[in-house]
Amino acid sequence: MDIVLYTKPEILAHKQGGDGFEEYYWYLSRPPKNFEEGDKVYFATKGFIRGYFVCNDFNPHSGETICWNKNSWKEEKATVPASPFRSFRYKWW
Protein backbone atom coordinates (compact mmCIF):
# COMPACT_ATOMS: atom_id res chain seq x y z
CA MET A 1 0.00 0.00 0.00
CA ASP A 2 1.48 3.35 -1.05
CA ILE A 3 2.34 6.00 1.54
CA VAL A 4 2.75 9.77 1.56
CA LEU A 5 5.44 11.75 3.38
CA TYR A 6 5.23 15.52 3.89
CA THR A 7 8.48 17.46 3.98
CA LYS A 8 10.21 20.72 3.11
CA PRO A 9 11.12 21.36 -0.55
CA GLU A 10 14.86 21.32 0.22
CA ILE A 11 14.62 17.89 1.85
CA LEU A 12 12.75 16.55 -1.17
CA ALA A 13 15.47 18.01 -3.44
CA HIS A 14 18.07 16.17 -1.37
CA LYS A 15 16.12 12.89 -1.60
CA GLN A 16 15.94 13.34 -5.38
CA GLY A 17 19.73 13.11 -5.61
CA GLY A 18 20.76 16.63 -4.69
CA ASP A 19 24.02 15.44 -3.15
CA GLY A 20 25.09 12.91 -5.78
CA PHE A 21 24.13 9.63 -4.11
CA GLU A 22 22.01 6.95 -5.83
CA GLU A 23 20.19 5.43 -2.82
CA TYR A 24 18.22 7.34 -0.19
CA TYR A 25 16.56 6.36 3.06
CA TRP A 26 13.70 7.54 5.23
CA TYR A 27 13.37 6.59 8.86
CA LEU A 28 9.92 6.13 10.36
CA SER A 29 9.61 5.54 14.08
CA ARG A 30 6.32 3.74 13.40
CA PRO A 31 6.68 1.71 10.18
CA PRO A 32 3.59 1.29 8.00
CA LYS A 33 2.00 -2.13 8.51
CA ASN A 34 0.62 -2.48 4.99
CA PHE A 35 3.71 -1.30 3.12
CA GLU A 36 6.15 -3.49 1.20
CA GLU A 37 8.95 -3.33 -1.36
CA GLY A 38 7.70 -2.14 -4.73
CA ASP A 39 5.13 0.22 -3.20
CA LYS A 40 5.30 3.94 -3.90
CA VAL A 41 6.57 6.60 -1.50
CA TYR A 42 4.80 9.84 -2.43
CA PHE A 43 6.25 13.16 -1.30
CA ALA A 44 4.25 16.30 -0.58
CA THR A 45 5.60 19.83 -0.13
CA LYS A 46 4.01 23.26 0.01
CA GLY A 47 0.48 21.86 0.10
CA PHE A 48 0.62 19.40 -2.83
CA ILE A 49 1.78 15.91 -3.77
CA ARG A 50 4.87 16.39 -5.96
CA GLY A 51 5.64 12.83 -7.08
CA TYR A 52 6.88 9.46 -5.87
CA PHE A 53 9.76 7.02 -5.61
CA VAL A 54 9.43 3.25 -5.80
CA CYS A 55 10.62 1.52 -2.63
CA ASN A 56 13.40 -1.00 -3.33
CA ASP A 57 14.08 -1.99 0.28
CA PHE A 58 11.82 -1.96 3.32
CA ASN A 59 13.01 -3.01 6.74
CA PRO A 60 10.58 -2.08 9.52
CA HIS A 61 13.13 -3.20 12.15
CA SER A 62 16.00 -0.98 10.95
CA GLY A 63 16.88 2.67 11.50
CA GLU A 64 16.75 3.13 7.71
CA THR A 65 13.19 1.95 7.26
CA ILE A 66 12.49 2.74 3.57
CA CYS A 67 15.03 2.88 0.74
CA TRP A 68 14.68 3.99 -2.89
CA ASN A 69 16.85 4.80 -5.88
CA LYS A 70 16.82 8.45 -6.95
CA ASN A 71 16.20 7.39 -10.56
CA SER A 72 12.80 5.93 -9.66
CA TRP A 73 11.37 9.47 -9.17
CA LYS A 74 8.19 10.17 -11.14
CA GLU A 75 6.67 13.62 -11.00
CA GLU A 76 2.95 13.71 -10.28
CA LYS A 77 1.06 15.42 -13.11
CA ALA A 78 -2.22 15.89 -11.24
CA THR A 79 -2.53 18.58 -8.60
CA VAL A 80 -3.37 16.65 -5.44
CA PRO A 81 -3.69 18.86 -2.34
CA ALA A 82 -2.02 17.73 0.88
CA SER A 83 -2.10 19.51 4.23
CA PRO A 84 1.07 19.31 6.34
CA PHE A 85 1.32 16.29 8.66
CA ARG A 86 3.92 14.31 10.60
CA SER A 87 5.10 10.76 10.00
CA PHE A 88 3.22 9.19 7.05
CA ARG A 89 -0.25 8.64 5.66
CA TYR A 90 -1.55 5.98 3.35
CA LYS A 91 -2.39 7.21 -0.15
CA TRP A 92 -5.91 8.66 -0.01
CA TRP A 93 -6.78 9.61 -3.60
C-alpha atoms as a PDB file:
ATOM      1  CA  MET A   1       0.000   0.000   0.000  1.00  0.00           C
ATOM      2  CA  ASP A   2       1.485   3.350  -1.053  1.00  0.00           C
ATOM      3  CA  ILE A   3       2.339   5.997   1.541  1.00  0.00           C
ATOM      4  CA  VAL A   4       2.751   9.771   1.562  1.00  0.00           C
ATOM      5  CA  LEU A   5       5.444  11.749   3.384  1.00  0.00           C
ATOM      6  CA  TYR A   6       5.226  15.522   3.887  1.00  0.00           C
ATOM      7  CA  THR A   7       8.476  17.457   3.977  1.00  0.00           C
ATOM      8  CA  LYS A   8      10.214  20.719   3.110  1.00  0.00           C
ATOM      9  CA  PRO A   9      11.123  21.362  -0.554  1.00  0.00           C
ATOM     10  CA  GLU A  10      14.863  21.324   0.217  1.00  0.00           C
ATOM     11  CA  ILE A  11      14.616  17.887   1.851  1.00  0.00           C
ATOM     12  CA  LEU A  12      12.753  16.549  -1.173  1.00  0.00           C
ATOM     13  CA  ALA A  13      15.470  18.012  -3.437  1.00  0.00           C
ATOM     14  CA  HIS A  14      18.072  16.167  -1.365  1.00  0.00           C
ATOM     15  CA  LYS A  15      16.124  12.888  -1.601  1.00  0.00           C
ATOM     16  CA  GLN A  16      15.935  13.339  -5.380  1.00  0.00           C
ATOM     17  CA  GLY A  17      19.732  13.108  -5.607  1.00  0.00           C
ATOM     18  CA  GLY A  18      20.757  16.632  -4.689  1.00  0.00           C
ATOM     19  CA  ASP A  19      24.020  15.443  -3.149  1.00  0.00           C
ATOM     20  CA  GLY A  20      25.091  12.907  -5.784  1.00  0.00           C
ATOM     21  CA  PHE A  21      24.127   9.625  -4.110  1.00  0.00           C
ATOM     22  CA  GLU A  22      22.010   6.948  -5.828  1.00  0.00           C
ATOM     23  CA  GLU A  23      20.194   5.428  -2.825  1.00  0.00           C
ATOM     24  CA  TYR A  24      18.224   7.340  -0.191  1.00  0.00           C
ATOM     25  CA  TYR A  25      16.563   6.363   3.056  1.00  0.00           C
ATOM     26  CA  TRP A  26      13.698   7.540   5.226  1.00  0.00           C
ATOM     27  CA  TYR A  27      13.370   6.593   8.863  1.00  0.00           C
ATOM     28  CA  LEU A  28       9.919   6.130  10.355  1.00  0.00           C
ATOM     29  CA  SER A  29       9.612   5.536  14.081  1.00  0.00           C
ATOM     30  CA  ARG A  30       6.319   3.738  13.402  1.00  0.00           C
ATOM     31  CA  PRO A  31       6.679   1.712  10.183  1.00  0.00           C
ATOM     32  CA  PRO A  32       3.591   1.289   8.001  1.00  0.00           C
ATOM     33  CA  LYS A  33       2.001  -2.126   8.514  1.00  0.00           C
ATOM     34  CA  ASN A  34       0.618  -2.479   4.993  1.00  0.00           C
ATOM     35  CA  PHE A  35       3.710  -1.298   3.125  1.00  0.00           C
ATOM     36  CA  GLU A  36       6.146  -3.492   1.198  1.00  0.00           C
ATOM     37  CA  GLU A  37       8.955  -3.325  -1.356  1.00  0.00           C
ATOM     38  CA  GLY A  38       7.696  -2.138  -4.732  1.00  0.00           C
ATOM     39  CA  ASP A  39       5.125   0.219  -3.203  1.00  0.00           C
ATOM     40  CA  LYS A  40       5.304   3.941  -3.899  1.00  0.00           C
ATOM     41  CA  VAL A  41       6.570   6.595  -1.502  1.00  0.00           C
ATOM     42  CA  TYR A  42       4.805   9.838  -2.435  1.00  0.00           C
ATOM     43  CA  PHE A  43       6.253  13.159  -1.305  1.00  0.00           C
ATOM     44  CA  ALA A  44       4.247  16.295  -0.580  1.00  0.00           C
ATOM     45  CA  THR A  45       5.597  19.829  -0.127  1.00  0.00           C
ATOM     46  CA  LYS A  46       4.009  23.255   0.013  1.00  0.00           C
ATOM     47  CA  GLY A  47       0.483  21.855   0.098  1.00  0.00           C
ATOM     48  CA  PHE A  48       0.622  19.403  -2.832  1.00  0.00           C
ATOM     49  CA  ILE A  49       1.778  15.906  -3.769  1.00  0.00           C
ATOM     50  CA  ARG A  50       4.866  16.387  -5.964  1.00  0.00           C
ATOM     51  CA  GLY A  51       5.641  12.827  -7.084  1.00  0.00           C
ATOM     52  CA  TYR A  52       6.882   9.460  -5.868  1.00  0.00           C
ATOM     53  CA  PHE A  53       9.763   7.023  -5.615  1.00  0.00           C
ATOM     54  CA  VAL A  54       9.434   3.249  -5.804  1.00  0.00           C
ATOM     55  CA  CYS A  55      10.622   1.523  -2.630  1.00  0.00           C
ATOM     56  CA  ASN A  56      13.398  -0.997  -3.331  1.00  0.00           C
ATOM     57  CA  ASP A  57      14.082  -1.994   0.278  1.00  0.00           C
ATOM     58  CA  PHE A  58      11.819  -1.963   3.319  1.00  0.00           C
ATOM     59  CA  ASN A  59      13.009  -3.010   6.743  1.00  0.00           C
ATOM     60  CA  PRO A  60      10.580  -2.078   9.523  1.00  0.00           C
ATOM     61  CA  HIS A  61      13.132  -3.195  12.145  1.00  0.00           C
ATOM     62  CA  SER A  62      16.002  -0.980  10.948  1.00  0.00           C
ATOM     63  CA  GLY A  63      16.877   2.667  11.498  1.00  0.00           C
ATOM     64  CA  GLU A  64      16.745   3.129   7.710  1.00  0.00           C
ATOM     65  CA  THR A  65      13.185   1.948   7.258  1.00  0.00           C
ATOM     66  CA  ILE A  66      12.489   2.740   3.575  1.00  0.00           C
ATOM     67  CA  CYS A  67      15.026   2.880   0.745  1.00  0.00           C
ATOM     68  CA  TRP A  68      14.680   3.986  -2.895  1.00  0.00           C
ATOM     69  CA  ASN A  69      16.851   4.799  -5.879  1.00  0.00           C
ATOM     70  CA  LYS A  70      16.817   8.447  -6.948  1.00  0.00           C
ATOM     71  CA  ASN A  71      16.202   7.387 -10.562  1.00  0.00           C
ATOM     72  CA  SER A  72      12.797   5.931  -9.660  1.00  0.00           C
ATOM     73  CA  TRP A  73      11.374   9.466  -9.165  1.00  0.00           C
ATOM     74  CA  LYS A  74       8.194  10.167 -11.138  1.00  0.00           C
ATOM     75  CA  GLU A  75       6.670  13.619 -11.003  1.00  0.00           C
ATOM     76  CA  GLU A  76       2.951  13.714 -10.281  1.00  0.00           C
ATOM     77  CA  LYS A  77       1.060  15.422 -13.107  1.00  0.00           C
ATOM     78  CA  ALA A  78      -2.219  15.888 -11.242  1.00  0.00           C
ATOM     79  CA  THR A  79      -2.526  18.576  -8.598  1.00  0.00           C
ATOM     80  CA  VAL A  80      -3.375  16.648  -5.441  1.00  0.00           C
ATOM     81  CA  PRO A  81      -3.690  18.855  -2.344  1.00  0.00           C
ATOM     82  CA  ALA A  82      -2.019  17.731   0.884  1.00  0.00           C
ATOM     83  CA  SER A  83      -2.100  19.511   4.226  1.00  0.00           C
ATOM     84  CA  PRO A  84       1.068  19.307   6.344  1.00  0.00           C
ATOM     85  CA  PHE A  85       1.316  16.290   8.663  1.00  0.00           C
ATOM     86  CA  ARG A  86       3.919  14.310  10.599  1.00  0.00           C
ATOM     87  CA  SER A  87       5.101  10.759   9.996  1.00  0.00           C
ATOM     88  CA  PHE A  88       3.224   9.191   7.054  1.00  0.00           C
ATOM     89  CA  ARG A  89      -0.247   8.637   5.662  1.00  0.00           C
ATOM     90  CA  TYR A  90      -1.546   5.977   3.349  1.00  0.00           C
ATOM     91  CA  LYS A  91      -2.387   7.214  -0.148  1.00  0.00           C
ATOM     92  CA  TRP A  92      -5.911   8.665  -0.012  1.00  0.00           C
ATOM     93  CA  TRP A  93      -6.778   9.610  -3.597  1.00  0.00           C
END
